PDB file of N, CA and C in Angstrom:
ATOM      1  N   MET A   1     -32.481 -17.881   6.942  1.00  0.00           N
ATOM      2  CA  MET A   1     -31.234 -17.469   7.572  1.00  0.00           C
ATOM      3  C   MET A   1     -31.194 -15.947   7.671  1.00  0.00           C
ATOM      4  N   THR A   2     -30.570 -15.461   8.725  1.00  0.00           N
ATOM      5  CA  THR A   2     -30.434 -14.017   8.870  1.00  0.00           C
ATOM      6  C   THR A   2     -29.297 -13.520   7.988  1.00  0.00           C
ATOM      7  N   THR A   3     -29.255 -12.219   7.821  1.00  0.00           N
ATOM      8  CA  THR A   3     -28.198 -11.644   6.981  1.00  0.00           C
ATOM      9  C   THR A   3     -26.823 -11.846   7.611  1.00  0.00           C
ATOM     10  N   LEU A   4     -26.763 -11.839   8.958  1.00  0.00           N
ATOM     11  CA  LEU A   4     -25.484 -12.066   9.624  1.00  0.00           C
ATOM     12  C   LEU A   4     -24.987 -13.481   9.360  1.00  0.00           C
ATOM     13  N   ASN A   5     -25.886 -14.462   9.440  1.00  0.00           N
ATOM     14  CA  ASN A   5     -25.494 -15.844   9.166  1.00  0.00           C
ATOM     15  C   ASN A   5     -25.032 -16.009   7.723  1.00  0.00           C
ATOM     16  N   LEU A   6     -25.702 -15.327   6.795  1.00  0.00           N
ATOM     17  CA  LEU A   6     -25.280 -15.390   5.400  1.00  0.00           C
ATOM     18  C   LEU A   6     -23.914 -14.757   5.216  1.00  0.00           C
ATOM     19  N   ALA A   7     -23.669 -13.654   5.902  1.00  0.00           N
ATOM     20  CA  ALA A   7     -22.367 -12.997   5.794  1.00  0.00           C
ATOM     21  C   ALA A   7     -21.258 -13.874   6.365  1.00  0.00           C
ATOM     22  N   VAL A   8     -21.530 -14.520   7.491  1.00  0.00           N
ATOM     23  CA  VAL A   8     -20.533 -15.410   8.091  1.00  0.00           C
ATOM     24  C   VAL A   8     -20.287 -16.603   7.176  1.00  0.00           C
ATOM     25  N   ALA A   9     -21.343 -17.168   6.605  1.00  0.00           N
ATOM     26  CA  ALA A   9     -21.187 -18.297   5.695  1.00  0.00           C
ATOM     27  C   ALA A   9     -20.371 -17.893   4.469  1.00  0.00           C
ATOM     28  N   ARG A  10     -20.583 -16.677   3.983  1.00  0.00           N
ATOM     29  CA  ARG A  10     -19.834 -16.185   2.826  1.00  0.00           C
ATOM     30  C   ARG A  10     -18.355 -16.004   3.176  1.00  0.00           C
ATOM     31  N   VAL A  11     -18.085 -15.529   4.380  1.00  0.00           N
ATOM     32  CA  VAL A  11     -16.705 -15.333   4.816  1.00  0.00           C
ATOM     33  C   VAL A  11     -15.996 -16.671   4.987  1.00  0.00           C
ATOM     34  N   LEU A  12     -16.711 -17.652   5.504  1.00  0.00           N
ATOM     35  CA  LEU A  12     -16.098 -18.945   5.796  1.00  0.00           C
ATOM     36  C   LEU A  12     -15.994 -19.865   4.588  1.00  0.00           C
ATOM     37  N   LYS A  13     -16.452 -19.410   3.449  1.00  0.00           N
ATOM     38  CA  LYS A  13     -16.373 -20.233   2.242  1.00  0.00           C
ATOM     39  C   LYS A  13     -14.911 -20.352   1.805  1.00  0.00           C
ATOM     40  N   ARG A  14     -14.458 -21.547   1.562  1.00  0.00           N
ATOM     41  CA  ARG A  14     -13.115 -21.859   1.071  1.00  0.00           C
ATOM     42  C   ARG A  14     -11.990 -21.377   1.990  1.00  0.00           C
ATOM     43  N   VAL A  15     -12.140 -21.546   3.289  1.00  0.00           N
ATOM     44  CA  VAL A  15     -11.057 -21.196   4.206  1.00  0.00           C
ATOM     45  C   VAL A  15     -10.187 -22.429   4.442  1.00  0.00           C
ATOM     46  N   HIS A  16      -8.896 -22.198   4.628  1.00  0.00           N
ATOM     47  CA  HIS A  16      -7.956 -23.299   4.806  1.00  0.00           C
ATOM     48  C   HIS A  16      -7.477 -23.424   6.245  1.00  0.00           C
ATOM     49  N   TYR A  17      -7.843 -22.468   7.080  1.00  0.00           N
ATOM     50  CA  TYR A  17      -7.426 -22.465   8.471  1.00  0.00           C
ATOM     51  C   TYR A  17      -8.656 -22.583   9.359  1.00  0.00           C
ATOM     52  N   PRO A  18      -8.496 -23.139  10.550  1.00  0.00           N
ATOM     53  CA  PRO A  18      -9.627 -23.191  11.484  1.00  0.00           C
ATOM     54  C   PRO A  18     -10.072 -21.779  11.864  1.00  0.00           C
ATOM     55  N   LEU A  19     -11.358 -21.632  12.135  1.00  0.00           N
ATOM     56  CA  LEU A  19     -11.915 -20.325  12.447  1.00  0.00           C
ATOM     57  C   LEU A  19     -11.308 -19.743  13.714  1.00  0.00           C
ATOM     58  N   ASP A  20     -11.022 -20.569  14.726  1.00  0.00           N
ATOM     59  CA  ASP A  20     -10.452 -20.037  15.958  1.00  0.00           C
ATOM     60  C   ASP A  20      -9.058 -19.452  15.740  1.00  0.00           C
ATOM     61  N   VAL A  21      -8.286 -20.019  14.828  1.00  0.00           N
ATOM     62  CA  VAL A  21      -6.973 -19.463  14.498  1.00  0.00           C
ATOM     63  C   VAL A  21      -7.138 -18.111  13.812  1.00  0.00           C
ATOM     64  N   MET A  22      -8.078 -18.037  12.892  1.00  0.00           N
ATOM     65  CA  MET A  22      -8.314 -16.788  12.178  1.00  0.00           C
ATOM     66  C   MET A  22      -8.782 -15.689  13.123  1.00  0.00           C
ATOM     67  N   LEU A  23      -9.743 -16.010  13.982  1.00  0.00           N
ATOM     68  CA  LEU A  23     -10.272 -15.007  14.908  1.00  0.00           C
ATOM     69  C   LEU A  23      -9.224 -14.562  15.925  1.00  0.00           C
ATOM     70  N   THR A  24      -8.416 -15.492  16.412  1.00  0.00           N
ATOM     71  CA  THR A  24      -7.364 -15.134  17.359  1.00  0.00           C
ATOM     72  C   THR A  24      -6.359 -14.196  16.714  1.00  0.00           C
ATOM     73  N   CYS A  25      -5.961 -14.496  15.512  1.00  0.00           N
ATOM     74  CA  CYS A  25      -4.981 -13.679  14.811  1.00  0.00           C
ATOM     75  C   CYS A  25      -5.530 -12.275  14.524  1.00  0.00           C
ATOM     76  N   VAL A  26      -6.758 -12.184  14.063  1.00  0.00           N
ATOM     77  CA  VAL A  26      -7.374 -10.881  13.792  1.00  0.00           C
ATOM     78  C   VAL A  26      -7.560 -10.113  15.097  1.00  0.00           C
ATOM     79  N   ARG A  27      -7.913 -10.798  16.165  1.00  0.00           N
ATOM     80  CA  ARG A  27      -8.066 -10.126  17.458  1.00  0.00           C
ATOM     81  C   ARG A  27      -6.747  -9.531  17.933  1.00  0.00           C
ATOM     82  N   TRP A  28      -5.652 -10.291  17.798  1.00  0.00           N
ATOM     83  CA  TRP A  28      -4.343  -9.756  18.177  1.00  0.00           C
ATOM     84  C   TRP A  28      -4.032  -8.502  17.380  1.00  0.00           C
ATOM     85  N   TYR A  29      -4.298  -8.551  16.094  1.00  0.00           N
ATOM     86  CA  TYR A  29      -3.964  -7.421  15.228  1.00  0.00           C
ATOM     87  C   TYR A  29      -4.786  -6.179  15.580  1.00  0.00           C
ATOM     88  N   VAL A  30      -6.056  -6.372  15.903  1.00  0.00           N
ATOM     89  CA  VAL A  30      -6.942  -5.244  16.178  1.00  0.00           C
ATOM     90  C   VAL A  30      -6.766  -4.731  17.612  1.00  0.00           C
ATOM     91  N   ALA A  31      -6.601  -5.616  18.563  1.00  0.00           N
ATOM     92  CA  ALA A  31      -6.595  -5.215  19.966  1.00  0.00           C
ATOM     93  C   ALA A  31      -5.275  -4.594  20.418  1.00  0.00           C
ATOM     94  N   TYR A  32      -4.189  -4.957  19.779  1.00  0.00           N
ATOM     95  CA  TYR A  32      -2.880  -4.497  20.223  1.00  0.00           C
ATOM     96  C   TYR A  32      -2.174  -3.750  19.092  1.00  0.00           C
ATOM     97  N   PRO A  33      -1.260  -2.843  19.422  1.00  0.00           N
ATOM     98  CA  PRO A  33      -0.564  -2.089  18.370  1.00  0.00           C
ATOM     99  C   PRO A  33       0.505  -2.953  17.685  1.00  0.00           C
ATOM    100  N   LEU A  34       0.063  -3.806  16.796  1.00  0.00           N
ATOM    101  CA  LEU A  34       0.957  -4.729  16.102  1.00  0.00           C
ATOM    102  C   LEU A  34       0.947  -4.447  14.607  1.00  0.00           C
ATOM    103  N   SER A  35       2.056  -4.765  13.959  1.00  0.00           N
ATOM    104  CA  SER A  35       2.050  -4.746  12.503  1.00  0.00           C
ATOM    105  C   SER A  35       1.504  -6.097  12.033  1.00  0.00           C
ATOM    106  N   LEU A  36       1.310  -6.242  10.755  1.00  0.00           N
ATOM    107  CA  LEU A  36       0.779  -7.506  10.231  1.00  0.00           C
ATOM    108  C   LEU A  36       1.798  -8.645  10.363  1.00  0.00           C
ATOM    109  N   ARG A  37       3.041  -8.297  10.467  1.00  0.00           N
ATOM    110  CA  ARG A  37       4.072  -9.340  10.578  1.00  0.00           C
ATOM    111  C   ARG A  37       4.161  -9.926  11.994  1.00  0.00           C
ATOM    112  N   HIS A  38       3.724  -9.181  12.998  1.00  0.00           N
ATOM    113  CA  HIS A  38       3.773  -9.704  14.365  1.00  0.00           C
ATOM    114  C   HIS A  38       2.854 -10.912  14.561  1.00  0.00           C
ATOM    115  N   PRO A  39       1.564 -10.855  14.153  1.00  0.00           N
ATOM    116  CA  PRO A  39       0.740 -12.080  14.288  1.00  0.00           C
ATOM    117  C   PRO A  39       1.295 -13.237  13.467  1.00  0.00           C
ATOM    118  N   GLU A  40       1.909 -12.927  12.331  1.00  0.00           N
ATOM    119  CA  GLU A  40       2.533 -13.979  11.518  1.00  0.00           C
ATOM    120  C   GLU A  40       3.621 -14.688  12.330  1.00  0.00           C
ATOM    121  N   GLU A  41       4.474 -13.922  13.009  1.00  0.00           N
ATOM    122  CA  GLU A  41       5.532 -14.507  13.831  1.00  0.00           C
ATOM    123  C   GLU A  41       4.958 -15.239  15.045  1.00  0.00           C
ATOM    124  N   MET A  42       3.897 -14.690  15.644  1.00  0.00           N
ATOM    125  CA  MET A  42       3.301 -15.325  16.816  1.00  0.00           C
ATOM    126  C   MET A  42       2.689 -16.677  16.454  1.00  0.00           C
ATOM    127  N   LEU A  43       2.072 -16.758  15.286  1.00  0.00           N
ATOM    128  CA  LEU A  43       1.518 -18.043  14.848  1.00  0.00           C
ATOM    129  C   LEU A  43       2.626 -19.012  14.466  1.00  0.00           C
ATOM    130  N   ALA A  44       3.724 -18.497  13.902  1.00  0.00           N
ATOM    131  CA  ALA A  44       4.849 -19.369  13.557  1.00  0.00           C
ATOM    132  C   ALA A  44       5.444 -20.005  14.805  1.00  0.00           C
ATOM    133  N   GLU A  45       5.472 -19.254  15.914  1.00  0.00           N
ATOM    134  CA  GLU A  45       5.955 -19.820  17.179  1.00  0.00           C
ATOM    135  C   GLU A  45       5.059 -20.942  17.666  1.00  0.00           C
ATOM    136  N   ARG A  46       3.808 -20.921  17.263  1.00  0.00           N
ATOM    137  CA  ARG A  46       2.857 -21.961  17.666  1.00  0.00           C
ATOM    138  C   ARG A  46       2.729 -23.067  16.622  1.00  0.00           C
ATOM    139  N   GLY A  47       3.567 -23.021  15.589  1.00  0.00           N
ATOM    140  CA  GLY A  47       3.593 -24.079  14.587  1.00  0.00           C
ATOM    141  C   GLY A  47       2.625 -23.904  13.447  1.00  0.00           C
ATOM    142  N   ILE A  48       2.085 -22.711  13.263  1.00  0.00           N
ATOM    143  CA  ILE A  48       1.140 -22.458  12.179  1.00  0.00           C
ATOM    144  C   ILE A  48       1.792 -21.497  11.197  1.00  0.00           C
ATOM    145  N   SER A  49       1.955 -21.945   9.968  1.00  0.00           N
ATOM    146  CA  SER A  49       2.595 -21.129   8.941  1.00  0.00           C
ATOM    147  C   SER A  49       1.530 -20.320   8.204  1.00  0.00           C
ATOM    148  N   VAL A  50       1.641 -18.996   8.322  1.00  0.00           N
ATOM    149  CA  VAL A  50       0.687 -18.106   7.665  1.00  0.00           C
ATOM    150  C   VAL A  50       1.441 -16.850   7.227  1.00  0.00           C
ATOM    151  N   ASP A  51       1.051 -16.281   6.107  1.00  0.00           N
ATOM    152  CA  ASP A  51       1.700 -15.086   5.589  1.00  0.00           C
ATOM    153  C   ASP A  51       0.989 -13.838   6.111  1.00  0.00           C
ATOM    154  N   HIS A  52       1.711 -12.717   6.187  1.00  0.00           N
ATOM    155  CA  HIS A  52       1.114 -11.491   6.697  1.00  0.00           C
ATOM    156  C   HIS A  52       0.001 -10.977   5.785  1.00  0.00           C
ATOM    157  N   SER A  53       0.096 -11.233   4.494  1.00  0.00           N
ATOM    158  CA  SER A  53      -0.973 -10.801   3.592  1.00  0.00           C
ATOM    159  C   SER A  53      -2.251 -11.603   3.832  1.00  0.00           C
ATOM    160  N   THR A  54      -2.103 -12.844   4.271  1.00  0.00           N
ATOM    161  CA  THR A  54      -3.265 -13.656   4.620  1.00  0.00           C
ATOM    162  C   THR A  54      -3.953 -13.081   5.848  1.00  0.00           C
ATOM    163  N   VAL A  55      -3.169 -12.639   6.832  1.00  0.00           N
ATOM    164  CA  VAL A  55      -3.733 -12.015   8.031  1.00  0.00           C
ATOM    165  C   VAL A  55      -4.505 -10.758   7.630  1.00  0.00           C
ATOM    166  N   HIS A  56      -3.959  -9.997   6.700  1.00  0.00           N
ATOM    167  CA  HIS A  56      -4.634  -8.786   6.215  1.00  0.00           C
ATOM    168  C   HIS A  56      -5.963  -9.132   5.544  1.00  0.00           C
ATOM    169  N   ARG A  57      -5.974 -10.167   4.721  1.00  0.00           N
ATOM    170  CA  ARG A  57      -7.223 -10.587   4.065  1.00  0.00           C
ATOM    171  C   ARG A  57      -8.251 -11.076   5.074  1.00  0.00           C
ATOM    172  N   TRP A  58      -7.798 -11.787   6.121  1.00  0.00           N
ATOM    173  CA  TRP A  58      -8.718 -12.216   7.172  1.00  0.00           C
ATOM    174  C   TRP A  58      -9.355 -11.012   7.838  1.00  0.00           C
ATOM    175  N   GLY A  59      -8.562  -9.998   8.106  1.00  0.00           N
ATOM    176  CA  GLY A  59      -9.106  -8.785   8.721  1.00  0.00           C
ATOM    177  C   GLY A  59     -10.128  -8.114   7.826  1.00  0.00           C
ATOM    178  N   ILE A  60      -9.833  -8.018   6.549  1.00  0.00           N
ATOM    179  CA  ILE A  60     -10.759  -7.381   5.607  1.00  0.00           C
ATOM    180  C   ILE A  60     -12.075  -8.153   5.539  1.00  0.00           C
ATOM    181  N   LYS A  61     -11.997  -9.481   5.593  1.00  0.00           N
ATOM    182  CA  LYS A  61     -13.212 -10.301   5.506  1.00  0.00           C
ATOM    183  C   LYS A  61     -13.981 -10.356   6.826  1.00  0.00           C
ATOM    184  N   LEU A  62     -13.274 -10.530   7.937  1.00  0.00           N
ATOM    185  CA  LEU A  62     -13.939 -10.802   9.207  1.00  0.00           C
ATOM    186  C   LEU A  62     -14.387  -9.558   9.963  1.00  0.00           C
ATOM    187  N   LEU A  63     -13.628  -8.489   9.894  1.00  0.00           N
ATOM    188  CA  LEU A  63     -13.939  -7.326  10.732  1.00  0.00           C
ATOM    189  C   LEU A  63     -15.295  -6.689  10.438  1.00  0.00           C
ATOM    190  N   PRO A  64     -15.713  -6.516   9.182  1.00  0.00           N
ATOM    191  CA  PRO A  64     -17.056  -5.954   8.976  1.00  0.00           C
ATOM    192  C   PRO A  64     -18.173  -6.843   9.543  1.00  0.00           C
ATOM    193  N   VAL A  65     -18.014  -8.152   9.433  1.00  0.00           N
ATOM    194  CA  VAL A  65     -19.024  -9.077   9.960  1.00  0.00           C
ATOM    195  C   VAL A  65     -19.059  -9.003  11.487  1.00  0.00           C
ATOM    196  N   LEU A  66     -17.894  -8.983  12.105  1.00  0.00           N
ATOM    197  CA  LEU A  66     -17.838  -8.887  13.564  1.00  0.00           C
ATOM    198  C   LEU A  66     -18.369  -7.550  14.055  1.00  0.00           C
ATOM    199  N   GLU A  67     -18.069  -6.483  13.328  1.00  0.00           N
ATOM    200  CA  GLU A  67     -18.547  -5.163  13.723  1.00  0.00           C
ATOM    201  C   GLU A  67     -20.072  -5.105  13.719  1.00  0.00           C
ATOM    202  N   LYS A  68     -20.701  -5.689  12.712  1.00  0.00           N
ATOM    203  CA  LYS A  68     -22.167  -5.733  12.671  1.00  0.00           C
ATOM    204  C   LYS A  68     -22.727  -6.530  13.845  1.00  0.00           C
ATOM    205  N   ALA A  69     -22.100  -7.659  14.144  1.00  0.00           N
ATOM    206  CA  ALA A  69     -22.585  -8.503  15.243  1.00  0.00           C
ATOM    207  C   ALA A  69     -22.442  -7.788  16.584  1.00  0.00           C
ATOM    208  N   PHE A  70     -21.324  -7.104  16.794  1.00  0.00           N
ATOM    209  CA  PHE A  70     -21.113  -6.414  18.064  1.00  0.00           C
ATOM    210  C   PHE A  70     -22.019  -5.202  18.194  1.00  0.00           C
ATOM    211  N   ARG A  71     -22.268  -4.497  17.110  1.00  0.00           N
ATOM    212  CA  ARG A  71     -23.141  -3.320  17.170  1.00  0.00           C
ATOM    213  C   ARG A  71     -24.573  -3.710  17.539  1.00  0.00           C
ATOM    214  N   ARG A  72     -25.019  -4.865  17.104  1.00  0.00           N
ATOM    215  CA  ARG A  72     -26.376  -5.309  17.446  1.00  0.00           C
ATOM    216  C   ARG A  72     -26.510  -5.587  18.930  1.00  0.00           C
ATOM    217  N   ARG A  73     -25.433  -6.047  19.551  1.00  0.00           N
ATOM    218  CA  ARG A  73     -25.485  -6.400  20.970  1.00  0.00           C
ATOM    219  C   ARG A  73     -25.028  -5.271  21.877  1.00  0.00           C
ATOM    220  N   LYS A  74     -24.625  -4.164  21.297  1.00  0.00           N
ATOM    221  CA  LYS A  74     -24.145  -3.036  22.078  1.00  0.00           C
ATOM    222  C   LYS A  74     -25.305  -2.360  22.790  1.00  0.00           C
ATOM    223  N   ARG A  75     -25.119  -2.077  24.073  1.00  0.00           N
ATOM    224  CA  ARG A  75     -26.167  -1.404  24.835  1.00  0.00           C
ATOM    225  C   ARG A  75     -26.212   0.065  24.452  1.00  0.00           C
ATOM    226  N   PRO A  76     -27.405   0.627  24.327  1.00  0.00           N
ATOM    227  CA  PRO A  76     -27.488   2.043  23.987  1.00  0.00           C
ATOM    228  C   PRO A  76     -27.081   2.925  25.164  1.00  0.00           C
ATOM    229  N   VAL A  77     -26.481   4.033  24.850  1.00  0.00           N
ATOM    230  CA  VAL A  77     -26.095   5.010  25.853  1.00  0.00           C
ATOM    231  C   VAL A  77     -27.188   6.067  25.890  1.00  0.00           C
ATOM    232  N   GLY A  78     -27.339   6.740  27.015  1.00  0.00           N
ATOM    233  CA  GLY A  78     -28.344   7.790  27.125  1.00  0.00           C
ATOM    234  C   GLY A  78     -28.124   8.892  26.100  1.00  0.00           C
ATOM    235  N   LYS A  79     -29.052   9.835  26.052  1.00  0.00           N
ATOM    236  CA  LYS A  79     -28.954  10.905  25.067  1.00  0.00           C
ATOM    237  C   LYS A  79     -27.702  11.746  25.271  1.00  0.00           C
ATOM    238  N   SER A  80     -27.388  12.041  26.526  1.00  0.00           N
ATOM    239  CA  SER A  80     -26.241  12.894  26.805  1.00  0.00           C
ATOM    240  C   SER A  80     -25.605  12.470  28.114  1.00  0.00           C
ATOM    241  N   TRP A  81     -24.299  12.419  28.150  1.00  0.00           N
ATOM    242  CA  TRP A  81     -23.600  12.116  29.379  1.00  0.00           C
ATOM    243  C   TRP A  81     -22.236  12.767  29.337  1.00  0.00           C
ATOM    244  N   ARG A  82     -21.715  13.080  30.504  1.00  0.00           N
ATOM    245  CA  ARG A  82     -20.455  13.791  30.620  1.00  0.00           C
ATOM    246  C   ARG A  82     -19.487  13.003  31.495  1.00  0.00           C
ATOM    247  N   MET A  83     -18.229  13.062  31.129  1.00  0.00           N
ATOM    248  CA  MET A  83     -17.203  12.401  31.924  1.00  0.00           C
ATOM    249  C   MET A  83     -16.178  13.393  32.460  1.00  0.00           C
ATOM    250  N   ASP A  84     -16.370  14.710  32.256  1.00  0.00           N
ATOM    251  CA  ASP A  84     -15.324  15.629  32.681  1.00  0.00           C
ATOM    252  C   ASP A  84     -15.408  16.006  34.145  1.00  0.00           C
ATOM    253  N   GLU A  85     -16.499  15.733  34.828  1.00  0.00           N
ATOM    254  CA  GLU A  85     -16.571  16.093  36.237  1.00  0.00           C
ATOM    255  C   GLU A  85     -17.126  14.926  37.042  1.00  0.00           C
ATOM    256  N   THR A  86     -16.552  14.747  38.233  1.00  0.00           N
ATOM    257  CA  THR A  86     -16.975  13.647  39.077  1.00  0.00           C
ATOM    258  C   THR A  86     -16.470  13.884  40.498  1.00  0.00           C
ATOM    259  N   TYR A  87     -16.910  13.061  41.391  1.00  0.00           N
ATOM    260  CA  TYR A  87     -16.415  13.094  42.759  1.00  0.00           C
ATOM    261  C   TYR A  87     -15.512  11.888  42.959  1.00  0.00           C
ATOM    262  N   VAL A  88     -14.359  12.117  43.599  1.00  0.00           N
ATOM    263  CA  VAL A  88     -13.379  11.065  43.830  1.00  0.00           C
ATOM    264  C   VAL A  88     -13.040  11.061  45.318  1.00  0.00           C
ATOM    265  N   LYS A  89     -12.911   9.865  45.874  1.00  0.00           N
ATOM    266  CA  LYS A  89     -12.544   9.760  47.294  1.00  0.00           C
ATOM    267  C   LYS A  89     -11.023   9.814  47.416  1.00  0.00           C
ATOM    268  N   VAL A  90     -10.509  10.833  48.122  1.00  0.00           N
ATOM    269  CA  VAL A  90      -9.079  10.998  48.337  1.00  0.00           C
ATOM    270  C   VAL A  90      -8.824  10.992  49.833  1.00  0.00           C
ATOM    271  N   ARG A  91      -8.064  10.001  50.303  1.00  0.00           N
ATOM    272  CA  ARG A  91      -7.754   9.849  51.727  1.00  0.00           C
ATOM    273  C   ARG A  91      -8.998   9.892  52.599  1.00  0.00           C
ATOM    274  N   GLY A  92     -10.043   9.239  52.137  1.00  0.00           N
ATOM    275  CA  GLY A  92     -11.262   9.130  52.921  1.00  0.00           C
ATOM    276  C   GLY A  92     -12.231  10.283  52.783  1.00  0.00           C
ATOM    277  N   GLN A  93     -11.896  11.319  52.026  1.00  0.00           N
ATOM    278  CA  GLN A  93     -12.805  12.452  51.829  1.00  0.00           C
ATOM    279  C   GLN A  93     -13.158  12.574  50.358  1.00  0.00           C
ATOM    280  N   TRP A  94     -14.428  12.921  50.101  1.00  0.00           N
ATOM    281  CA  TRP A  94     -14.882  13.087  48.740  1.00  0.00           C
ATOM    282  C   TRP A  94     -14.442  14.465  48.227  1.00  0.00           C
ATOM    283  N   LYS A  95     -13.794  14.459  47.051  1.00  0.00           N
ATOM    284  CA  LYS A  95     -13.315  15.698  46.418  1.00  0.00           C
ATOM    285  C   LYS A  95     -13.970  15.834  45.052  1.00  0.00           C
ATOM    286  N   TYR A  96     -14.289  17.058  44.705  1.00  0.00           N
ATOM    287  CA  TYR A  96     -14.861  17.351  43.404  1.00  0.00           C
ATOM    288  C   TYR A  96     -13.725  17.439  42.391  1.00  0.00           C
ATOM    289  N   LEU A  97     -13.823  16.685  41.314  1.00  0.00           N
ATOM    290  CA  LEU A  97     -12.782  16.680  40.299  1.00  0.00           C
ATOM    291  C   LEU A  97     -13.372  17.177  38.990  1.00  0.00           C
ATOM    292  N   TYR A  98     -12.784  18.233  38.460  1.00  0.00           N
ATOM    293  CA  TYR A  98     -13.220  18.766  37.170  1.00  0.00           C
ATOM    294  C   TYR A  98     -12.026  18.785  36.244  1.00  0.00           C
ATOM    295  N   ARG A  99     -12.205  18.255  35.059  1.00  0.00           N
ATOM    296  CA  ARG A  99     -11.108  18.172  34.108  1.00  0.00           C
ATOM    297  C   ARG A  99     -10.882  19.479  33.423  1.00  0.00           C
TER     298      ARG A  99
END
């Protein structure tokens, strides 16, 4: 088994909620500016009773594992690149834009 699979297996040991519920809740918390109580209320509206401290523990357990998995699949960026200058089409004409 790879180290990622071992880490996921360790995280999933003794869980009481389905993995899709856990991942959805952690995704809401990370992707949007929410407090820990907001995902708790959102799950309660869907009939799932969970405490905000449980959501926090899910984040502590799942986020490092997900971060490792995403970093492995992340495409490398070139050595150097700039975003402060570009050409933009304005009313059909190309204009030089410098920030």
